[in-house]
PDB file of N, CA and C in Angstrom:
ATOM      1  N   MET A   1       9.043  -4.409   8.314  1.00  0.00           N
ATOM      2  CA  MET A   1       9.233  -3.532   7.179  1.00  0.00           C
ATOM      3  C   MET A   1       7.880  -3.238   6.530  1.00  0.00           C
ATOM      4  N   LEU A   2       7.735  -2.031   6.052  1.00  0.00           N
ATOM      5  CA  LEU A   2       6.531  -1.617   5.350  1.00  0.00           C
ATOM      6  C   LEU A   2       6.379  -2.432   4.072  1.00  0.00           C
ATOM      7  N   LYS A   3       5.183  -2.940   3.835  1.00  0.00           N
ATOM      8  CA  LYS A   3       4.877  -3.655   2.593  1.00  0.00           C
ATOM      9  C   LYS A   3       3.922  -2.794   1.778  1.00  0.00           C
ATOM     10  N   VAL A   4       4.236  -2.659   0.492  1.00  0.00           N
ATOM     11  CA  VAL A   4       3.417  -1.883  -0.428  1.00  0.00           C
ATOM     12  C   VAL A   4       2.863  -2.846  -1.470  1.00  0.00           C
ATOM     13  N   TYR A   5       1.571  -3.122  -1.381  1.00  0.00           N
ATOM     14  CA  TYR A   5       0.888  -3.955  -2.371  1.00  0.00           C
ATOM     15  C   TYR A   5       0.407  -3.022  -3.467  1.00  0.00           C
ATOM     16  N   ALA A   6       0.932  -3.220  -4.674  1.00  0.00           N
ATOM     17  CA  ALA A   6       0.715  -2.245  -5.729  1.00  0.00           C
ATOM     18  C   ALA A   6       0.620  -2.929  -7.090  1.00  0.00           C
ATOM     19  N   ALA A   7       0.432  -2.101  -8.110  1.00  0.00           N
ATOM     20  CA  ALA A   7       0.391  -2.573  -9.495  1.00  0.00           C
ATOM     21  C   ALA A   7       1.194  -1.606 -10.363  1.00  0.00           C
ATOM     22  N   LYS A   8       1.942  -2.163 -11.318  1.00  0.00           N
ATOM     23  CA  LYS A   8       2.808  -1.353 -12.184  1.00  0.00           C
ATOM     24  C   LYS A   8       2.050  -0.263 -12.929  1.00  0.00           C
ATOM     25  N   TRP A   9       0.819  -0.538 -13.291  1.00  0.00           N
ATOM     26  CA  TRP A   9       0.032   0.372 -14.126  1.00  0.00           C
ATOM     27  C   TRP A   9      -0.676   1.470 -13.315  1.00  0.00           C
ATOM     28  N   CYS A  10      -0.558   1.424 -12.010  1.00  0.00           N
ATOM     29  CA  CYS A  10      -1.303   2.324 -11.128  1.00  0.00           C
ATOM     30  C   CYS A  10      -0.509   3.603 -10.837  1.00  0.00           C
ATOM     31  N   PRO A  11      -1.001   4.771 -11.278  1.00  0.00           N
ATOM     32  CA  PRO A  11      -0.271   6.018 -11.020  1.00  0.00           C
ATOM     33  C   PRO A  11      -0.190   6.367  -9.529  1.00  0.00           C
ATOM     34  N   HIS A  12      -1.192   6.004  -8.754  1.00  0.00           N
ATOM     35  CA  HIS A  12      -1.167   6.283  -7.315  1.00  0.00           C
ATOM     36  C   HIS A  12      -0.106   5.422  -6.623  1.00  0.00           C
ATOM     37  N   CYS A  13       0.099   4.217  -7.139  1.00  0.00           N
ATOM     38  CA  CYS A  13       1.149   3.345  -6.612  1.00  0.00           C
ATOM     39  C   CYS A  13       2.523   3.943  -6.914  1.00  0.00           C
ATOM     40  N   THR A  14       2.707   4.388  -8.145  1.00  0.00           N
ATOM     41  CA  THR A  14       3.975   4.981  -8.554  1.00  0.00           C
ATOM     42  C   THR A  14       4.303   6.200  -7.699  1.00  0.00           C
ATOM     43  N   GLN A  15       3.312   7.037  -7.458  1.00  0.00           N
ATOM     44  CA  GLN A  15       3.521   8.228  -6.640  1.00  0.00           C
ATOM     45  C   GLN A  15       3.834   7.855  -5.193  1.00  0.00           C
ATOM     46  N   THR A  16       3.156   6.854  -4.674  1.00  0.00           N
ATOM     47  CA  THR A  16       3.402   6.404  -3.303  1.00  0.00           C
ATOM     48  C   THR A  16       4.812   5.853  -3.171  1.00  0.00           C
ATOM     49  N   VAL A  17       5.227   5.026  -4.111  1.00  0.00           N
ATOM     50  CA  VAL A  17       6.574   4.462  -4.097  1.00  0.00           C
ATOM     51  C   VAL A  17       7.615   5.580  -4.162  1.00  0.00           C
ATOM     52  N   GLN A  18       7.406   6.556  -5.026  1.00  0.00           N
ATOM     53  CA  GLN A  18       8.364   7.659  -5.138  1.00  0.00           C
ATOM     54  C   GLN A  18       8.418   8.476  -3.848  1.00  0.00           C
ATOM     55  N   TYR A  19       7.262   8.692  -3.235  1.00  0.00           N
ATOM     56  CA  TYR A  19       7.189   9.402  -1.953  1.00  0.00           C
ATOM     57  C   TYR A  19       8.050   8.692  -0.912  1.00  0.00           C
ATOM     58  N   LEU A  20       7.907   7.368  -0.827  1.00  0.00           N
ATOM     59  CA  LEU A  20       8.670   6.591   0.150  1.00  0.00           C
ATOM     60  C   LEU A  20      10.163   6.640  -0.142  1.00  0.00           C
ATOM     61  N   LYS A  21      10.534   6.509  -1.421  1.00  0.00           N
ATOM     62  CA  LYS A  21      11.950   6.575  -1.803  1.00  0.00           C
ATOM     63  C   LYS A  21      12.543   7.941  -1.476  1.00  0.00           C
ATOM     64  N   ASP A  22      11.808   9.001  -1.790  1.00  0.00           N
ATOM     65  CA  ASP A  22      12.297  10.361  -1.534  1.00  0.00           C
ATOM     66  C   ASP A  22      12.567  10.597  -0.054  1.00  0.00           C
ATOM     67  N   ARG A  23      11.812   9.935   0.801  1.00  0.00           N
ATOM     68  CA  ARG A  23      11.960  10.111   2.241  1.00  0.00           C
ATOM     69  C   ARG A  23      12.792   9.006   2.881  1.00  0.00           C
ATOM     70  N   LYS A  24      13.376   8.165   2.033  1.00  0.00           N
ATOM     71  CA  LYS A  24      14.243   7.076   2.480  1.00  0.00           C
ATOM     72  C   LYS A  24      13.553   6.145   3.478  1.00  0.00           C
ATOM     73  N   ILE A  25      12.260   5.893   3.237  1.00  0.00           N
ATOM     74  CA  ILE A  25      11.492   4.946   4.044  1.00  0.00           C
ATOM     75  C   ILE A  25      11.624   3.582   3.365  1.00  0.00           C
ATOM     76  N   GLU A  26      12.206   2.634   4.080  1.00  0.00           N
ATOM     77  CA  GLU A  26      12.398   1.304   3.512  1.00  0.00           C
ATOM     78  C   GLU A  26      11.055   0.604   3.366  1.00  0.00           C
ATOM     79  N   PHE A  27      10.921  -0.119   2.259  1.00  0.00           N
ATOM     80  CA  PHE A  27       9.677  -0.839   2.015  1.00  0.00           C
ATOM     81  C   PHE A  27       9.938  -2.018   1.089  1.00  0.00           C
ATOM     82  N   GLU A  28       9.006  -2.943   1.121  1.00  0.00           N
ATOM     83  CA  GLU A  28       9.015  -4.070   0.195  1.00  0.00           C
ATOM     84  C   GLU A  28       7.875  -3.852  -0.789  1.00  0.00           C
ATOM     85  N   TYR A  29       8.205  -3.817  -2.081  1.00  0.00           N
ATOM     86  CA  TYR A  29       7.196  -3.644  -3.121  1.00  0.00           C
ATOM     87  C   TYR A  29       6.672  -5.016  -3.503  1.00  0.00           C
ATOM     88  N   ILE A  30       5.354  -5.163  -3.495  1.00  0.00           N
ATOM     89  CA  ILE A  30       4.730  -6.440  -3.841  1.00  0.00           C
ATOM     90  C   ILE A  30       3.752  -6.191  -4.979  1.00  0.00           C
ATOM     91  N   GLU A  31       4.065  -6.750  -6.134  1.00  0.00           N
ATOM     92  CA  GLU A  31       3.198  -6.627  -7.318  1.00  0.00           C
ATOM     93  C   GLU A  31       1.972  -7.503  -7.072  1.00  0.00           C
ATOM     94  N   LEU A  32       0.844  -6.878  -6.823  1.00  0.00           N
ATOM     95  CA  LEU A  32      -0.341  -7.615  -6.390  1.00  0.00           C
ATOM     96  C   LEU A  32      -0.840  -8.609  -7.439  1.00  0.00           C
ATOM     97  N   GLU A  33      -0.763  -8.251  -8.692  1.00  0.00           N
ATOM     98  CA  GLU A  33      -1.277  -9.131  -9.741  1.00  0.00           C
ATOM     99  C   GLU A  33      -0.482 -10.428  -9.872  1.00  0.00           C
ATOM    100  N   GLU A  34       0.663 -10.518  -9.222  1.00  0.00           N
ATOM    101  CA  GLU A  34       1.497 -11.723  -9.271  1.00  0.00           C
ATOM    102  C   GLU A  34       1.392 -12.555  -7.988  1.00  0.00           C
ATOM    103  N   GLN A  35       0.457 -12.217  -7.109  1.00  0.00           N
ATOM    104  CA  GLN A  35       0.351 -12.875  -5.806  1.00  0.00           C
ATOM    105  C   GLN A  35      -0.690 -14.002  -5.813  1.00  0.00           C
ATOM    106  N   SER A  36      -0.596 -14.823  -4.784  1.00  0.00           N
ATOM    107  CA  SER A  36      -1.525 -15.944  -4.624  1.00  0.00           C
ATOM    108  C   SER A  36      -2.922 -15.435  -4.269  1.00  0.00           C
ATOM    109  N   ASP A  37      -3.888 -16.307  -4.442  1.00  0.00           N
ATOM    110  CA  ASP A  37      -5.280 -15.957  -4.121  1.00  0.00           C
ATOM    111  C   ASP A  37      -5.441 -15.567  -2.652  1.00  0.00           C
ATOM    112  N   ASP A  38      -4.673 -16.185  -1.752  1.00  0.00           N
ATOM    113  CA  ASP A  38      -4.767 -15.862  -0.323  1.00  0.00           C
ATOM    114  C   ASP A  38      -4.390 -14.406  -0.060  1.00  0.00           C
ATOM    115  N   ILE A  39      -3.321 -13.967  -0.676  1.00  0.00           N
ATOM    116  CA  ILE A  39      -2.874 -12.581  -0.481  1.00  0.00           C
ATOM    117  C   ILE A  39      -3.870 -11.616  -1.107  1.00  0.00           C
ATOM    118  N   ILE A  40      -4.329 -11.932  -2.299  1.00  0.00           N
ATOM    119  CA  ILE A  40      -5.313 -11.066  -2.957  1.00  0.00           C
ATOM    120  C   ILE A  40      -6.581 -10.976  -2.123  1.00  0.00           C
ATOM    121  N   GLN A  41      -7.022 -12.090  -1.553  1.00  0.00           N
ATOM    122  CA  GLN A  41      -8.222 -12.082  -0.721  1.00  0.00           C
ATOM    123  C   GLN A  41      -8.033 -11.200   0.512  1.00  0.00           C
ATOM    124  N   LYS A  42      -6.842 -11.211   1.105  1.00  0.00           N
ATOM    125  CA  LYS A  42      -6.569 -10.348   2.261  1.00  0.00           C
ATOM    126  C   LYS A  42      -6.649  -8.882   1.862  1.00  0.00           C
ATOM    127  N   ILE A  43      -6.127  -8.539   0.706  1.00  0.00           N
ATOM    128  CA  ILE A  43      -6.181  -7.156   0.230  1.00  0.00           C
ATOM    129  C   ILE A  43      -7.632  -6.751  -0.045  1.00  0.00           C
ATOM    130  N   VAL A  44      -8.414  -7.649  -0.600  1.00  0.00           N
ATOM    131  CA  VAL A  44      -9.844  -7.386  -0.810  1.00  0.00           C
ATOM    132  C   VAL A  44     -10.514  -7.119   0.538  1.00  0.00           C
ATOM    133  N   GLU A  45     -10.226  -7.948   1.522  1.00  0.00           N
ATOM    134  CA  GLU A  45     -10.803  -7.801   2.870  1.00  0.00           C
ATOM    135  C   GLU A  45     -10.434  -6.447   3.480  1.00  0.00           C
ATOM    136  N   VAL A  46      -9.167  -6.071   3.395  1.00  0.00           N
ATOM    137  CA  VAL A  46      -8.697  -4.798   3.951  1.00  0.00           C
ATOM    138  C   VAL A  46      -9.422  -3.616   3.298  1.00  0.00           C
ATOM    139  N   ASN A  47      -9.775  -3.784   2.027  1.00  0.00           N
ATOM    140  CA  ASN A  47     -10.400  -2.706   1.265  1.00  0.00           C
ATOM    141  C   ASN A  47     -11.929  -2.802   1.221  1.00  0.00           C
ATOM    142  N   GLY A  48     -12.525  -3.448   2.178  1.00  0.00           N
ATOM    143  CA  GLY A  48     -13.976  -3.438   2.301  1.00  0.00           C
ATOM    144  C   GLY A  48     -14.694  -4.656   1.767  1.00  0.00           C
ATOM    145  N   GLY A  49     -13.976  -5.603   1.176  1.00  0.00           N
ATOM    146  CA  GLY A  49     -14.574  -6.866   0.788  1.00  0.00           C
ATOM    147  C   GLY A  49     -15.146  -6.965  -0.609  1.00  0.00           C
ATOM    148  N   ASP A  50     -15.120  -5.883  -1.391  1.00  0.00           N
ATOM    149  CA  ASP A  50     -15.698  -5.942  -2.729  1.00  0.00           C
ATOM    150  C   ASP A  50     -14.658  -6.212  -3.816  1.00  0.00           C
ATOM    151  N   ASP A  51     -13.493  -5.605  -3.700  1.00  0.00           N
ATOM    152  CA  ASP A  51     -12.456  -5.731  -4.710  1.00  0.00           C
ATOM    153  C   ASP A  51     -11.140  -5.271  -4.109  1.00  0.00           C
ATOM    154  N   TRP A  52     -10.037  -5.590  -4.759  1.00  0.00           N
ATOM    155  CA  TRP A  52      -8.748  -5.103  -4.271  1.00  0.00           C
ATOM    156  C   TRP A  52      -8.496  -3.708  -4.821  1.00  0.00           C
ATOM    157  N   VAL A  53      -7.827  -2.922  -4.002  1.00  0.00           N
ATOM    158  CA  VAL A  53      -7.515  -1.539  -4.340  1.00  0.00           C
ATOM    159  C   VAL A  53      -6.044  -1.322  -3.998  1.00  0.00           C
ATOM    160  N   VAL A  54      -5.330  -0.648  -4.866  1.00  0.00           N
ATOM    161  CA  VAL A  54      -3.920  -0.372  -4.625  1.00  0.00           C
ATOM    162  C   VAL A  54      -3.665   1.121  -4.683  1.00  0.00           C
ATOM    163  N   PRO A  55      -2.644   1.606  -3.989  1.00  0.00           N
ATOM    164  CA  PRO A  55      -1.708   0.854  -3.158  1.00  0.00           C
ATOM    165  C   PRO A  55      -2.271   0.611  -1.759  1.00  0.00           C
ATOM    166  N   THR A  56      -2.189  -0.624  -1.325  1.00  0.00           N
ATOM    167  CA  THR A  56      -2.555  -0.994   0.036  1.00  0.00           C
ATOM    168  C   THR A  56      -1.259  -1.221   0.808  1.00  0.00           C
ATOM    169  N   LEU A  57      -1.176  -0.669   2.004  1.00  0.00           N
ATOM    170  CA  LEU A  57       0.045  -0.745   2.792  1.00  0.00           C
ATOM    171  C   LEU A  57      -0.175  -1.565   4.064  1.00  0.00           C
ATOM    172  N   GLU A  58       0.891  -2.233   4.503  1.00  0.00           N
ATOM    173  CA  GLU A  58       0.843  -2.990   5.758  1.00  0.00           C
ATOM    174  C   GLU A  58       2.161  -2.800   6.485  1.00  0.00           C
ATOM    175  N   PHE A  59       2.075  -2.531   7.786  1.00  0.00           N
ATOM    176  CA  PHE A  59       3.265  -2.392   8.625  1.00  0.00           C
ATOM    177  C   PHE A  59       2.967  -2.986   9.989  1.00  0.00           C
ATOM    178  N   ASN A  60       3.702  -4.022  10.332  1.00  0.00           N
ATOM    179  CA  ASN A  60       3.547  -4.683  11.642  1.00  0.00           C
ATOM    180  C   ASN A  60       2.105  -5.044  11.965  1.00  0.00           C
ATOM    181  N   GLY A  61       1.401  -5.571  10.988  1.00  0.00           N
ATOM    182  CA  GLY A  61       0.024  -6.014  11.203  1.00  0.00           C
ATOM    183  C   GLY A  61      -1.025  -4.926  11.117  1.00  0.00           C
ATOM    184  N   LYS A  62      -0.614  -3.678  10.911  1.00  0.00           N
ATOM    185  CA  LYS A  62      -1.552  -2.570  10.730  1.00  0.00           C
ATOM    186  C   LYS A  62      -1.676  -2.286   9.242  1.00  0.00           C
ATOM    187  N   TRP A  63      -2.899  -2.042   8.799  1.00  0.00           N
ATOM    188  CA  TRP A  63      -3.168  -1.878   7.375  1.00  0.00           C
ATOM    189  C   TRP A  63      -3.665  -0.478   7.037  1.00  0.00           C
ATOM    190  N   ARG A  64      -3.339  -0.037   5.832  1.00  0.00           N
ATOM    191  CA  ARG A  64      -3.897   1.189   5.245  1.00  0.00           C
ATOM    192  C   ARG A  64      -4.516   0.776   3.921  1.00  0.00           C
ATOM    193  N   GLU A  65      -5.805   0.985   3.787  1.00  0.00           N
ATOM    194  CA  GLU A  65      -6.493   0.604   2.556  1.00  0.00           C
ATOM    195  C   GLU A  65      -5.979   1.432   1.385  1.00  0.00           C
ATOM    196  N   GLY A  66      -6.246   0.941   0.180  1.00  0.00           N
ATOM    197  CA  GLY A  66      -5.830   1.644  -1.025  1.00  0.00           C
ATOM    198  C   GLY A  66      -6.524   2.993  -1.136  1.00  0.00           C
ATOM    199  N   LYS A  67      -5.745   4.012  -1.502  1.00  0.00           N
ATOM    200  CA  LYS A  67      -6.285   5.370  -1.610  1.00  0.00           C
ATOM    201  C   LYS A  67      -5.637   6.099  -2.774  1.00  0.00           C
ATOM    202  N   VAL A  68      -6.330   7.120  -3.248  1.00  0.00           N
ATOM    203  CA  VAL A  68      -5.762   8.044  -4.215  1.00  0.00           C
ATOM    204  C   VAL A  68      -4.578   8.729  -3.548  1.00  0.00           C
ATOM    205  N   PHE A  69      -3.494   8.932  -4.304  1.00  0.00           N
ATOM    206  CA  PHE A  69      -2.305   9.540  -3.709  1.00  0.00           C
ATOM    207  C   PHE A  69      -2.577  10.969  -3.263  1.00  0.00           C
ATOM    208  N   ASN A  70      -2.233  11.233  -2.012  1.00  0.00           N
ATOM    209  CA  ASN A  70      -2.278  12.564  -1.423  1.00  0.00           C
ATOM    210  C   ASN A  70      -1.150  12.581  -0.397  1.00  0.00           C
ATOM    211  N   ALA A  71      -0.132  13.396  -0.642  1.00  0.00           N
ATOM    212  CA  ALA A  71       1.066  13.381   0.200  1.00  0.00           C
ATOM    213  C   ALA A  71       0.764  13.665   1.665  1.00  0.00           C
ATOM    214  N   PHE A  72      -0.098  14.618   1.940  1.00  0.00           N
ATOM    215  CA  PHE A  72      -0.416  14.968   3.330  1.00  0.00           C
ATOM    216  C   PHE A  72      -1.128  13.814   4.030  1.00  0.00           C
ATOM    217  N   GLU A  73      -2.079  13.201   3.343  1.00  0.00           N
ATOM    218  CA  GLU A  73      -2.816  12.080   3.921  1.00  0.00           C
ATOM    219  C   GLU A  73      -1.905  10.869   4.105  1.00  0.00           C
ATOM    220  N   LEU A  74      -1.049  10.610   3.129  1.00  0.00           N
ATOM    221  CA  LEU A  74      -0.114   9.494   3.246  1.00  0.00           C
ATOM    222  C   LEU A  74       0.828   9.710   4.431  1.00  0.00           C
ATOM    223  N   HIS A  75       1.336  10.908   4.581  1.00  0.00           N
ATOM    224  CA  HIS A  75       2.212  11.230   5.715  1.00  0.00           C
ATOM    225  C   HIS A  75       1.508  10.932   7.047  1.00  0.00           C
ATOM    226  N   ALA A  76       0.280  11.398   7.173  1.00  0.00           N
ATOM    227  CA  ALA A  76      -0.485  11.176   8.411  1.00  0.00           C
ATOM    228  C   ALA A  76      -0.748   9.692   8.637  1.00  0.00           C
ATOM    229  N   ASP A  77      -1.092   8.982   7.570  1.00  0.00           N
ATOM    230  CA  ASP A  77      -1.377   7.551   7.702  1.00  0.00           C
ATOM    231  C   ASP A  77      -0.120   6.761   8.058  1.00  0.00           C
ATOM    232  N   LEU A  78       1.018   7.137   7.503  1.00  0.00           N
ATOM    233  CA  LEU A  78       2.276   6.459   7.858  1.00  0.00           C
ATOM    234  C   LEU A  78       2.596   6.675   9.331  1.00  0.00           C
ATOM    235  N   LYS A  79       2.329   7.872   9.843  1.00  0.00           N
ATOM    236  CA  LYS A  79       2.535   8.116  11.280  1.00  0.00           C
ATOM    237  C   LYS A  79       1.628   7.216  12.117  1.00  0.00           C
ATOM    238  N   LYS A  80       0.368   7.077  11.693  1.00  0.00           N
ATOM    239  CA  LYS A  80      -0.565   6.201  12.416  1.00  0.00           C
ATOM    240  C   LYS A  80      -0.082   4.749  12.420  1.00  0.00           C
ATOM    241  N   LEU A  81       0.590   4.338  11.329  1.00  0.00           N
ATOM    242  CA  LEU A  81       1.105   2.982  11.248  1.00  0.00           C
ATOM    243  C   LEU A  81       2.353   2.776  12.108  1.00  0.00           C
ATOM    244  N   GLY A  82       2.955   3.899  12.540  1.00  0.00           N
ATOM    245  CA  GLY A  82       4.141   3.814  13.368  1.00  0.00           C
ATOM    246  C   GLY A  82       5.438   4.089  12.632  1.00  0.00           C
ATOM    247  N   LEU A  83       5.334   4.689  11.478  1.00  0.00           N
ATOM    248  CA  LEU A  83       6.533   5.018  10.690  1.00  0.00           C
ATOM    249  C   LEU A  83       6.878   6.490  10.808  1.00  0.00           C
TER     250      LEU A  83
END
């Protein structure tokens, strides 16, 4: 299942979540600020090693770094992930 590492205060996360709901793509929402240091460190690593960025997505071991919401880019990236 697609995992969405996000934050409640992030408008790009909110838009990404709504995009997924509108297209009936099942996902697990993970509030990043409530996660263990191990998970946060993995998100930092996926995003270049300096800081965590949301929304970061993971599907079957494939990752998409955090990005500004863009529906066309998100659609293409979800296809690359196998969704």
